[in-house]
Amino acid sequence: MTVTDKNILETYSGLFEGLSFSNKIELIERLTKSIKGNKSKENNFYKSFGAFASEKSAEEIVSEIKSNRNFKNKEIKF
């Protein structure tokens, strides 16, 4: 833990001393939920790699994407 992290924790703990018991419990619950939520987001991020599977070659995929492009010729008036 860096010195900056320690200072941040000390500052927050000083702020929390003024909270009531029920507010501290609520804060603990919210922090716990945020920690659990971050793990699932991180796991979903790493699971997304390599998710695209196709039997087509890269050249076929590129040519398919290019052939499906639609461009509109629209004049922009000022």
PDB file of N, CA and C in Angstrom:
ATOM      1  N   MET A   1       0.843  -1.170   0.000  1.00  0.00           N
ATOM      2  CA  MET A   1       0.000   0.000   0.000  1.00  0.00           C
ATOM      3  C   MET A   1       0.893   1.240   0.000  1.00  0.00           C
ATOM      4  N   THR A   2       0.561   2.160  -0.868  1.00  0.00           N
ATOM      5  CA  THR A   2       1.365   3.372  -0.973  1.00  0.00           C
ATOM      6  C   THR A   2       0.996   4.370   0.127  1.00  0.00           C
ATOM      7  N   VAL A   3       1.820   5.361   0.277  1.00  0.00           N
ATOM      8  CA  VAL A   3       1.562   6.417   1.260  1.00  0.00           C
ATOM      9  C   VAL A   3       0.268   7.145   0.917  1.00  0.00           C
ATOM     10  N   THR A   4       0.039   7.364  -0.356  1.00  0.00           N
ATOM     11  CA  THR A   4      -1.187   8.027  -0.800  1.00  0.00           C
ATOM     12  C   THR A   4      -2.413   7.207  -0.419  1.00  0.00           C
ATOM     13  N   ASP A   5      -2.351   5.891  -0.649  1.00  0.00           N
ATOM     14  CA  ASP A   5      -3.463   5.020  -0.282  1.00  0.00           C
ATOM     15  C   ASP A   5      -3.727   5.065   1.214  1.00  0.00           C
ATOM     16  N   LYS A   6      -2.670   5.066   2.005  1.00  0.00           N
ATOM     17  CA  LYS A   6      -2.835   5.134   3.457  1.00  0.00           C
ATOM     18  C   LYS A   6      -3.493   6.440   3.872  1.00  0.00           C
ATOM     19  N   ASN A   7      -3.081   7.547   3.254  1.00  0.00           N
ATOM     20  CA  ASN A   7      -3.692   8.847   3.568  1.00  0.00           C
ATOM     21  C   ASN A   7      -5.169   8.873   3.196  1.00  0.00           C
ATOM     22  N   ILE A   8      -5.506   8.290   2.064  1.00  0.00           N
ATOM     23  CA  ILE A   8      -6.908   8.235   1.640  1.00  0.00           C
ATOM     24  C   ILE A   8      -7.726   7.427   2.640  1.00  0.00           C
ATOM     25  N   LEU A   9      -7.202   6.278   3.048  1.00  0.00           N
ATOM     26  CA  LEU A   9      -7.920   5.450   4.020  1.00  0.00           C
ATOM     27  C   LEU A   9      -8.087   6.162   5.355  1.00  0.00           C
ATOM     28  N   GLU A  10      -7.056   6.845   5.802  1.00  0.00           N
ATOM     29  CA  GLU A  10      -7.147   7.584   7.057  1.00  0.00           C
ATOM     30  C   GLU A  10      -8.184   8.695   6.974  1.00  0.00           C
ATOM     31  N   THR A  11      -8.230   9.383   5.853  1.00  0.00           N
ATOM     32  CA  THR A  11      -9.200  10.456   5.669  1.00  0.00           C
ATOM     33  C   THR A  11     -10.621   9.913   5.699  1.00  0.00           C
ATOM     34  N   TYR A  12     -10.859   8.826   4.943  1.00  0.00           N
ATOM     35  CA  TYR A  12     -12.191   8.229   4.930  1.00  0.00           C
ATOM     36  C   TYR A  12     -12.584   7.685   6.296  1.00  0.00           C
ATOM     37  N   SER A  13     -11.666   7.037   6.993  1.00  0.00           N
ATOM     38  CA  SER A  13     -12.010   6.498   8.305  1.00  0.00           C
ATOM     39  C   SER A  13     -12.358   7.620   9.271  1.00  0.00           C
ATOM     40  N   GLY A  14     -11.724   8.763   9.140  1.00  0.00           N
ATOM     41  CA  GLY A  14     -12.080   9.922   9.957  1.00  0.00           C
ATOM     42  C   GLY A  14     -13.484  10.416   9.655  1.00  0.00           C
ATOM     43  N   LEU A  15     -13.855  10.382   8.385  1.00  0.00           N
ATOM     44  CA  LEU A  15     -15.209  10.784   8.001  1.00  0.00           C
ATOM     45  C   LEU A  15     -16.252   9.802   8.533  1.00  0.00           C
ATOM     46  N   PHE A  16     -15.914   8.520   8.534  1.00  0.00           N
ATOM     47  CA  PHE A  16     -16.863   7.495   8.946  1.00  0.00           C
ATOM     48  C   PHE A  16     -17.119   7.497  10.443  1.00  0.00           C
ATOM     49  N   GLU A  17     -16.217   8.069  11.222  1.00  0.00           N
ATOM     50  CA  GLU A  17     -16.404   8.100  12.670  1.00  0.00           C
ATOM     51  C   GLU A  17     -17.661   8.870  13.060  1.00  0.00           C
ATOM     52  N   GLY A  18     -18.061   9.842  12.268  1.00  0.00           N
ATOM     53  CA  GLY A  18     -19.235  10.639  12.562  1.00  0.00           C
ATOM     54  C   GLY A  18     -20.550   9.986  12.168  1.00  0.00           C
ATOM     55  N   LEU A  19     -20.485   8.851  11.468  1.00  0.00           N
ATOM     56  CA  LEU A  19     -21.706   8.192  11.017  1.00  0.00           C
ATOM     57  C   LEU A  19     -22.339   7.389  12.145  1.00  0.00           C
ATOM     58  N   SER A  20     -23.648   7.222  12.054  1.00  0.00           N
ATOM     59  CA  SER A  20     -24.349   6.381  13.018  1.00  0.00           C
ATOM     60  C   SER A  20     -24.066   4.913  12.709  1.00  0.00           C
ATOM     61  N   PHE A  21     -24.419   4.051  13.651  1.00  0.00           N
ATOM     62  CA  PHE A  21     -24.179   2.620  13.488  1.00  0.00           C
ATOM     63  C   PHE A  21     -24.903   2.083  12.247  1.00  0.00           C
ATOM     64  N   SER A  22     -26.166   2.466  12.059  1.00  0.00           N
ATOM     65  CA  SER A  22     -26.935   1.959  10.908  1.00  0.00           C
ATOM     66  C   SER A  22     -26.361   2.462   9.589  1.00  0.00           C
ATOM     67  N   ASN A  23     -25.861   3.695   9.570  1.00  0.00           N
ATOM     68  CA  ASN A  23     -25.239   4.216   8.351  1.00  0.00           C
ATOM     69  C   ASN A  23     -23.944   3.486   8.037  1.00  0.00           C
ATOM     70  N   LYS A  24     -23.186   3.126   9.066  1.00  0.00           N
ATOM     71  CA  LYS A  24     -21.955   2.362   8.851  1.00  0.00           C
ATOM     72  C   LYS A  24     -22.265   0.988   8.279  1.00  0.00           C
ATOM     73  N   ILE A  25     -23.306   0.342   8.792  1.00  0.00           N
ATOM     74  CA  ILE A  25     -23.710  -0.967   8.270  1.00  0.00           C
ATOM     75  C   ILE A  25     -24.122  -0.843   6.806  1.00  0.00           C
ATOM     76  N   GLU A  26     -24.890   0.199   6.486  1.00  0.00           N
ATOM     77  CA  GLU A  26     -25.309   0.430   5.096  1.00  0.00           C
ATOM     78  C   GLU A  26     -24.098   0.647   4.197  1.00  0.00           C
ATOM     79  N   LEU A  27     -23.138   1.398   4.672  1.00  0.00           N
ATOM     80  CA  LEU A  27     -21.924   1.653   3.905  1.00  0.00           C
ATOM     81  C   LEU A  27     -21.151   0.361   3.662  1.00  0.00           C
ATOM     82  N   ILE A  28     -21.053  -0.472   4.674  1.00  0.00           N
ATOM     83  CA  ILE A  28     -20.361  -1.762   4.531  1.00  0.00           C
ATOM     84  C   ILE A  28     -21.058  -2.622   3.485  1.00  0.00           C
ATOM     85  N   GLU A  29     -22.391  -2.649   3.521  1.00  0.00           N
ATOM     86  CA  GLU A  29     -23.141  -3.436   2.534  1.00  0.00           C
ATOM     87  C   GLU A  29     -22.902  -2.932   1.115  1.00  0.00           C
ATOM     88  N   ARG A  30     -22.902  -1.629   0.953  1.00  0.00           N
ATOM     89  CA  ARG A  30     -22.687  -1.066  -0.388  1.00  0.00           C
ATOM     90  C   ARG A  30     -21.268  -1.321  -0.891  1.00  0.00           C
ATOM     91  N   LEU A  31     -20.294  -1.203   0.003  1.00  0.00           N
ATOM     92  CA  LEU A  31     -18.913  -1.497  -0.394  1.00  0.00           C
ATOM     93  C   LEU A  31     -18.753  -2.958  -0.787  1.00  0.00           C
ATOM     94  N   THR A  32     -19.399  -3.838  -0.033  1.00  0.00           N
ATOM     95  CA  THR A  32     -19.338  -5.266  -0.341  1.00  0.00           C
ATOM     96  C   THR A  32     -19.940  -5.544  -1.710  1.00  0.00           C
ATOM     97  N   LYS A  33     -21.105  -4.926  -1.997  1.00  0.00           N
ATOM     98  CA  LYS A  33     -21.739  -5.104  -3.305  1.00  0.00           C
ATOM     99  C   LYS A  33     -20.854  -4.580  -4.425  1.00  0.00           C
ATOM    100  N   SER A  34     -20.185  -3.457  -4.188  1.00  0.00           N
ATOM    101  CA  SER A  34     -19.335  -2.890  -5.245  1.00  0.00           C
ATOM    102  C   SER A  34     -18.137  -3.783  -5.522  1.00  0.00           C
ATOM    103  N   ILE A  35     -17.614  -4.424  -4.493  1.00  0.00           N
ATOM    104  CA  ILE A  35     -16.480  -5.334  -4.689  1.00  0.00           C
ATOM    105  C   ILE A  35     -16.925  -6.554  -5.483  1.00  0.00           C
ATOM    106  N   LYS A  36     -18.068  -7.113  -5.128  1.00  0.00           N
ATOM    107  CA  LYS A  36     -18.579  -8.282  -5.844  1.00  0.00           C
ATOM    108  C   LYS A  36     -18.911  -7.938  -7.282  1.00  0.00           C
ATOM    109  N   GLY A  37     -19.459  -6.752  -7.520  1.00  0.00           N
ATOM    110  CA  GLY A  37     -19.823  -6.321  -8.870  1.00  0.00           C
ATOM    111  C   GLY A  37     -18.612  -6.146  -9.752  1.00  0.00           C
ATOM    112  N   ASN A  38     -17.504  -5.657  -9.210  1.00  0.00           N
ATOM    113  CA  ASN A  38     -16.297  -5.453 -10.003  1.00  0.00           C
ATOM    114  C   ASN A  38     -15.722  -6.765 -10.495  1.00  0.00           C
ATOM    115  N   LYS A  39     -15.789  -7.803  -9.693  1.00  0.00           N
ATOM    116  CA  LYS A  39     -15.251  -9.099 -10.108  1.00  0.00           C
ATOM    117  C   LYS A  39     -16.023  -9.656 -11.281  1.00  0.00           C
ATOM    118  N   SER A  40     -17.356  -9.549 -11.251  1.00  0.00           N
ATOM    119  CA  SER A  40     -18.141 -10.090 -12.356  1.00  0.00           C
ATOM    120  C   SER A  40     -17.918  -9.278 -13.629  1.00  0.00           C
ATOM    121  N   LYS A  41     -17.771  -7.957 -13.518  1.00  0.00           N
ATOM    122  CA  LYS A  41     -17.485  -7.141 -14.696  1.00  0.00           C
ATOM    123  C   LYS A  41     -16.129  -7.505 -15.278  1.00  0.00           C
ATOM    124  N   GLU A  42     -15.150  -7.718 -14.412  1.00  0.00           N
ATOM    125  CA  GLU A  42     -13.816  -8.077 -14.878  1.00  0.00           C
ATOM    126  C   GLU A  42     -13.844  -9.445 -15.552  1.00  0.00           C
ATOM    127  N   ASN A  43     -14.555 -10.397 -14.971  1.00  0.00           N
ATOM    128  CA  ASN A  43     -14.652 -11.721 -15.570  1.00  0.00           C
ATOM    129  C   ASN A  43     -15.339 -11.661 -16.921  1.00  0.00           C
ATOM    130  N   ASN A  44     -16.410 -10.876 -17.032  1.00  0.00           N
ATOM    131  CA  ASN A  44     -17.095 -10.733 -18.312  1.00  0.00           C
ATOM    132  C   ASN A  44     -16.182 -10.113 -19.356  1.00  0.00           C
ATOM    133  N   PHE A  45     -15.361  -9.168 -18.952  1.00  0.00           N
ATOM    134  CA  PHE A  45     -14.428  -8.541 -19.877  1.00  0.00           C
ATOM    135  C   PHE A  45     -13.451  -9.577 -20.432  1.00  0.00           C
ATOM    136  N   TYR A  46     -12.865 -10.382 -19.550  1.00  0.00           N
ATOM    137  CA  TYR A  46     -11.895 -11.370 -20.010  1.00  0.00           C
ATOM    138  C   TYR A  46     -12.550 -12.515 -20.780  1.00  0.00           C
ATOM    139  N   LYS A  47     -13.791 -12.823 -20.485  1.00  0.00           N
ATOM    140  CA  LYS A  47     -14.490 -13.869 -21.223  1.00  0.00           C
ATOM    141  C   LYS A  47     -14.811 -13.441 -22.652  1.00  0.00           C
ATOM    142  N   SER A  48     -14.854 -12.129 -22.899  1.00  0.00           N
ATOM    143  CA  SER A  48     -15.212 -11.647 -24.228  1.00  0.00           C
ATOM    144  C   SER A  48     -14.109 -11.871 -25.259  1.00  0.00           C
ATOM    145  N   PHE A  49     -12.886 -12.092 -24.821  1.00  0.00           N
ATOM    146  CA  PHE A  49     -11.800 -12.320 -25.764  1.00  0.00           C
ATOM    147  C   PHE A  49     -11.953 -13.680 -26.434  1.00  0.00           C
ATOM    148  N   GLY A  50     -11.801 -13.669 -27.736  1.00  0.00           N
ATOM    149  CA  GLY A  50     -11.879 -14.917 -28.486  1.00  0.00           C
ATOM    150  C   GLY A  50     -13.297 -15.438 -28.632  1.00  0.00           C
ATOM    151  N   ALA A  51     -14.290 -14.607 -28.348  1.00  0.00           N
ATOM    152  CA  ALA A  51     -15.673 -15.057 -28.386  1.00  0.00           C
ATOM    153  C   ALA A  51     -16.186 -15.209 -29.815  1.00  0.00           C
ATOM    154  N   PHE A  52     -15.562 -14.531 -30.769  1.00  0.00           N
ATOM    155  CA  PHE A  52     -16.011 -14.607 -32.157  1.00  0.00           C
ATOM    156  C   PHE A  52     -15.385 -15.823 -32.817  1.00  0.00           C
ATOM    157  N   ALA A  53     -16.244 -16.713 -33.264  1.00  0.00           N
ATOM    158  CA  ALA A  53     -15.754 -17.920 -33.943  1.00  0.00           C
ATOM    159  C   ALA A  53     -16.428 -18.016 -35.298  1.00  0.00           C
ATOM    160  N   SER A  54     -15.637 -18.270 -36.304  1.00  0.00           N
ATOM    161  CA  SER A  54     -16.171 -18.395 -37.647  1.00  0.00           C
ATOM    162  C   SER A  54     -15.277 -19.324 -38.452  1.00  0.00           C
ATOM    163  N   GLU A  55     -15.887 -20.014 -39.380  1.00  0.00           N
ATOM    164  CA  GLU A  55     -15.145 -20.906 -40.275  1.00  0.00           C
ATOM    165  C   GLU A  55     -14.554 -20.128 -41.460  1.00  0.00           C
ATOM    166  N   LYS A  56     -15.004 -18.888 -41.635  1.00  0.00           N
ATOM    167  CA  LYS A  56     -14.552 -18.072 -42.761  1.00  0.00           C
ATOM    168  C   LYS A  56     -13.151 -17.549 -42.496  1.00  0.00           C
ATOM    169  N   SER A  57     -12.434 -17.296 -43.567  1.00  0.00           N
ATOM    170  CA  SER A  57     -11.105 -16.702 -43.437  1.00  0.00           C
ATOM    171  C   SER A  57     -11.260 -15.209 -43.174  1.00  0.00           C
ATOM    172  N   ALA A  58     -10.185 -14.589 -42.756  1.00  0.00           N
ATOM    173  CA  ALA A  58     -10.215 -13.157 -42.473  1.00  0.00           C
ATOM    174  C   ALA A  58     -10.562 -12.366 -43.724  1.00  0.00           C
ATOM    175  N   GLU A  59     -10.027 -12.782 -44.872  1.00  0.00           N
ATOM    176  CA  GLU A  59     -10.302 -12.089 -46.125  1.00  0.00           C
ATOM    177  C   GLU A  59     -11.779 -12.180 -46.492  1.00  0.00           C
ATOM    178  N   GLU A  60     -12.396 -13.330 -46.259  1.00  0.00           N
ATOM    179  CA  GLU A  60     -13.818 -13.489 -46.557  1.00  0.00           C
ATOM    180  C   GLU A  60     -14.670 -12.590 -45.650  1.00  0.00           C
ATOM    181  N   ILE A  61     -14.314 -12.515 -44.404  1.00  0.00           N
ATOM    182  CA  ILE A  61     -15.058 -11.685 -43.463  1.00  0.00           C
ATOM    183  C   ILE A  61     -14.945 -10.209 -43.844  1.00  0.00           C
ATOM    184  N   VAL A  62     -13.739  -9.781 -44.201  1.00  0.00           N
ATOM    185  CA  VAL A  62     -13.527  -8.386 -44.598  1.00  0.00           C
ATOM    186  C   VAL A  62     -14.314  -8.069 -45.860  1.00  0.00           C
ATOM    187  N   SER A  63     -14.274  -8.941 -46.851  1.00  0.00           N
ATOM    188  CA  SER A  63     -15.010  -8.677 -48.090  1.00  0.00           C
ATOM    189  C   SER A  63     -16.517  -8.681 -47.847  1.00  0.00           C
ATOM    190  N   GLU A  64     -16.999  -9.518 -46.943  1.00  0.00           N
ATOM    191  CA  GLU A  64     -18.425  -9.537 -46.609  1.00  0.00           C
ATOM    192  C   GLU A  64     -18.843  -8.230 -45.937  1.00  0.00           C
ATOM    193  N   ILE A  65     -18.024  -7.751 -45.028  1.00  0.00           N
ATOM    194  CA  ILE A  65     -18.324  -6.484 -44.348  1.00  0.00           C
ATOM    195  C   ILE A  65     -18.337  -5.338 -45.354  1.00  0.00           C
ATOM    196  N   LYS A  66     -17.348  -5.305 -46.220  1.00  0.00           N
ATOM    197  CA  LYS A  66     -17.275  -4.228 -47.216  1.00  0.00           C
ATOM    198  C   LYS A  66     -18.444  -4.279 -48.187  1.00  0.00           C
ATOM    199  N   SER A  67     -18.880  -5.472 -48.564  1.00  0.00           N
ATOM    200  CA  SER A  67     -19.984  -5.581 -49.521  1.00  0.00           C
ATOM    201  C   SER A  67     -21.322  -5.191 -48.896  1.00  0.00           C
ATOM    202  N   ASN A  68     -21.421  -5.268 -47.587  1.00  0.00           N
ATOM    203  CA  ASN A  68     -22.676  -4.928 -46.918  1.00  0.00           C
ATOM    204  C   ASN A  68     -22.759  -3.465 -46.491  1.00  0.00           C
ATOM    205  N   ARG A  69     -21.753  -2.691 -46.792  1.00  0.00           N
ATOM    206  CA  ARG A  69     -21.773  -1.276 -46.446  1.00  0.00           C
ATOM    207  C   ARG A  69     -22.764  -0.529 -47.322  1.00  0.00           C
ATOM    208  N   ASN A  70     -23.469   0.407 -46.711  1.00  0.00           N
ATOM    209  CA  ASN A  70     -24.412   1.259 -47.438  1.00  0.00           C
ATOM    210  C   ASN A  70     -24.044   2.709 -47.186  1.00  0.00           C
ATOM    211  N   PHE A  71     -23.781   3.430 -48.254  1.00  0.00           N
ATOM    212  CA  PHE A  71     -23.442   4.838 -48.140  1.00  0.00           C
ATOM    213  C   PHE A  71     -24.557   5.656 -48.752  1.00  0.00           C
ATOM    214  N   LYS A  72     -24.857   6.765 -48.121  1.00  0.00           N
ATOM    215  CA  LYS A  72     -25.869   7.674 -48.643  1.00  0.00           C
ATOM    216  C   LYS A  72     -25.184   8.942 -49.109  1.00  0.00           C
ATOM    217  N   ASN A  73     -25.509   9.354 -50.302  1.00  0.00           N
ATOM    218  CA  ASN A  73     -24.994  10.613 -50.811  1.00  0.00           C
ATOM    219  C   ASN A  73     -26.012  11.682 -50.445  1.00  0.00           C
ATOM    220  N   LYS A  74     -25.705  12.401 -49.420  1.00  0.00           N
ATOM    221  CA  LYS A  74     -26.617  13.439 -48.940  1.00  0.00           C
ATOM    222  C   LYS A  74     -25.866  14.748 -48.884  1.00  0.00           C
ATOM    223  N   GLU A  75     -26.455  15.748 -49.515  1.00  0.00           N
ATOM    224  CA  GLU A  75     -25.831  17.056 -49.537  1.00  0.00           C
ATOM    225  C   GLU A  75     -26.106  17.762 -48.208  1.00  0.00           C
ATOM    226  N   ILE A  76     -25.087  18.313 -47.629  1.00  0.00           N
ATOM    227  CA  ILE A  76     -25.231  19.046 -46.385  1.00  0.00           C
ATOM    228  C   ILE A  76     -25.340  20.524 -46.739  1.00  0.00           C
ATOM    229  N   LYS A  77     -26.441  21.148 -46.308  1.00  0.00           N
ATOM    230  CA  LYS A  77     -26.674  22.561 -46.625  1.00  0.00           C
ATOM    231  C   LYS A  77     -26.337  23.387 -45.383  1.00  0.00           C
ATOM    232  N   PHE A  78     -25.667  24.482 -45.629  1.00  0.00           N
ATOM    233  CA  PHE A  78     -25.279  25.390 -44.544  1.00  0.00           C
ATOM    234  C   PHE A  78     -26.114  26.628 -44.565  1.00  0.00           C
TER     235      PHE A  78
END
